[in-house]
């Protein structure tokens, strides 16, 4: 009972739409609080793992304009 009272002060009712072109986050009482392109720019580091360089609008500007080591992709495409 006490946990629910405390949690209610810090939680929000929200919805996330992982769309193929845009990702939207809606918060009850506030409306859409995030509307960003579903794009991520990745770079392989020395160990072979991908490092996130940019997401959303910043990554979308990189589409088709990145050097060979960096990939700007739409991860939800054909998902």
Protein backbone atom coordinates (compact mmCIF):
# COMPACT_ATOMS: atom_id res chain seq x y z
CA UNK A 1 0.00 0.00 0.00
CA UNK A 2 2.77 2.47 0.93
CA UNK A 3 4.76 1.45 -2.17
CA UNK A 4 1.78 2.24 -4.45
CA UNK A 5 1.41 5.66 -2.83
CA UNK A 6 5.09 6.48 -3.35
CA UNK A 7 5.27 4.99 -6.86
CA UNK A 8 2.19 6.97 -7.93
CA UNK A 9 4.01 10.24 -7.29
CA UNK A 10 6.86 9.35 -9.64
CA UNK A 11 5.18 7.36 -12.40
CA UNK A 12 3.32 8.52 -15.49
CA UNK A 13 0.86 6.83 -17.77
CA UNK A 14 2.65 6.76 -21.09
CA UNK A 15 2.53 5.11 -24.48
CA UNK A 16 5.41 4.46 -26.85
CA UNK A 17 4.84 4.05 -30.58
CA UNK A 18 7.89 2.51 -32.25
CA UNK A 19 6.87 3.49 -35.74
CA UNK A 20 8.93 2.72 -38.83
CA UNK A 21 9.49 6.38 -39.69
CA UNK A 22 9.00 8.16 -36.33
CA UNK A 23 9.05 7.16 -32.67
CA UNK A 24 6.42 8.86 -30.51
CA UNK A 25 6.10 9.03 -26.73
CA UNK A 26 2.78 10.17 -25.30
CA UNK A 27 2.34 11.11 -21.62
CA UNK A 28 -1.17 11.27 -20.20
CA UNK A 29 -2.09 14.86 -19.46
CA UNK A 30 0.87 16.27 -21.45
CA UNK A 31 0.33 14.83 -24.92
CA UNK A 32 3.16 13.86 -27.24
CA UNK A 33 6.46 14.66 -25.52
CA UNK A 34 8.78 13.09 -28.11
CA UNK A 35 8.45 12.85 -31.88
CA UNK A 36 11.76 11.82 -33.42
CA UNK A 37 12.74 9.96 -36.58
CA UNK A 38 13.43 6.26 -35.98
CA UNK A 39 17.07 6.46 -37.06
CA UNK A 40 20.30 5.58 -35.25
CA UNK A 41 23.93 6.24 -36.26
CA UNK A 42 26.39 3.53 -35.19
CA UNK A 43 30.18 3.18 -35.31
CA UNK A 44 32.11 -0.02 -34.68
CA UNK A 45 34.74 0.46 -31.98
CA UNK A 46 38.11 -1.32 -31.69
CA UNK A 47 36.52 -4.34 -30.01
CA UNK A 48 33.94 -4.78 -32.79
CA UNK A 49 30.97 -3.54 -30.79
CA UNK A 50 28.65 -0.82 -32.09
CA UNK A 51 28.76 2.53 -30.36
CA UNK A 52 25.74 4.83 -30.69
CA UNK A 53 26.80 8.19 -32.08
CA UNK A 54 23.42 9.81 -32.68
CA UNK A 55 19.68 9.11 -32.65
CA UNK A 56 16.61 10.81 -34.06
CA UNK A 57 16.94 14.02 -36.07
CA UNK A 58 20.71 14.18 -35.70
CA UNK A 59 21.12 10.63 -37.04
CA UNK A 60 18.63 11.27 -39.86
CA UNK A 61 20.83 14.10 -41.12
CA UNK A 62 23.64 11.51 -41.44
CA UNK A 63 21.68 9.13 -43.72
CA UNK A 64 23.71 8.63 -46.91
CA UNK A 65 26.47 10.97 -45.71
CA UNK A 66 28.62 8.88 -43.41
CA UNK A 67 32.13 7.51 -43.81
CA UNK A 68 32.57 3.75 -44.21
CA UNK A 69 33.02 3.09 -40.44
CA UNK A 70 29.70 4.75 -39.52
CA UNK A 71 26.24 3.44 -40.40
CA UNK A 72 23.07 5.51 -40.14
CA UNK A 73 20.18 3.04 -40.21
CA UNK A 74 16.45 2.77 -39.62
CA UNK A 75 16.35 -0.19 -37.18
CA UNK A 76 12.57 -0.65 -37.49
CA UNK A 77 12.61 -0.93 -41.30
CA UNK A 78 11.19 -4.26 -42.49
CA UNK A 79 10.80 -5.37 -38.87
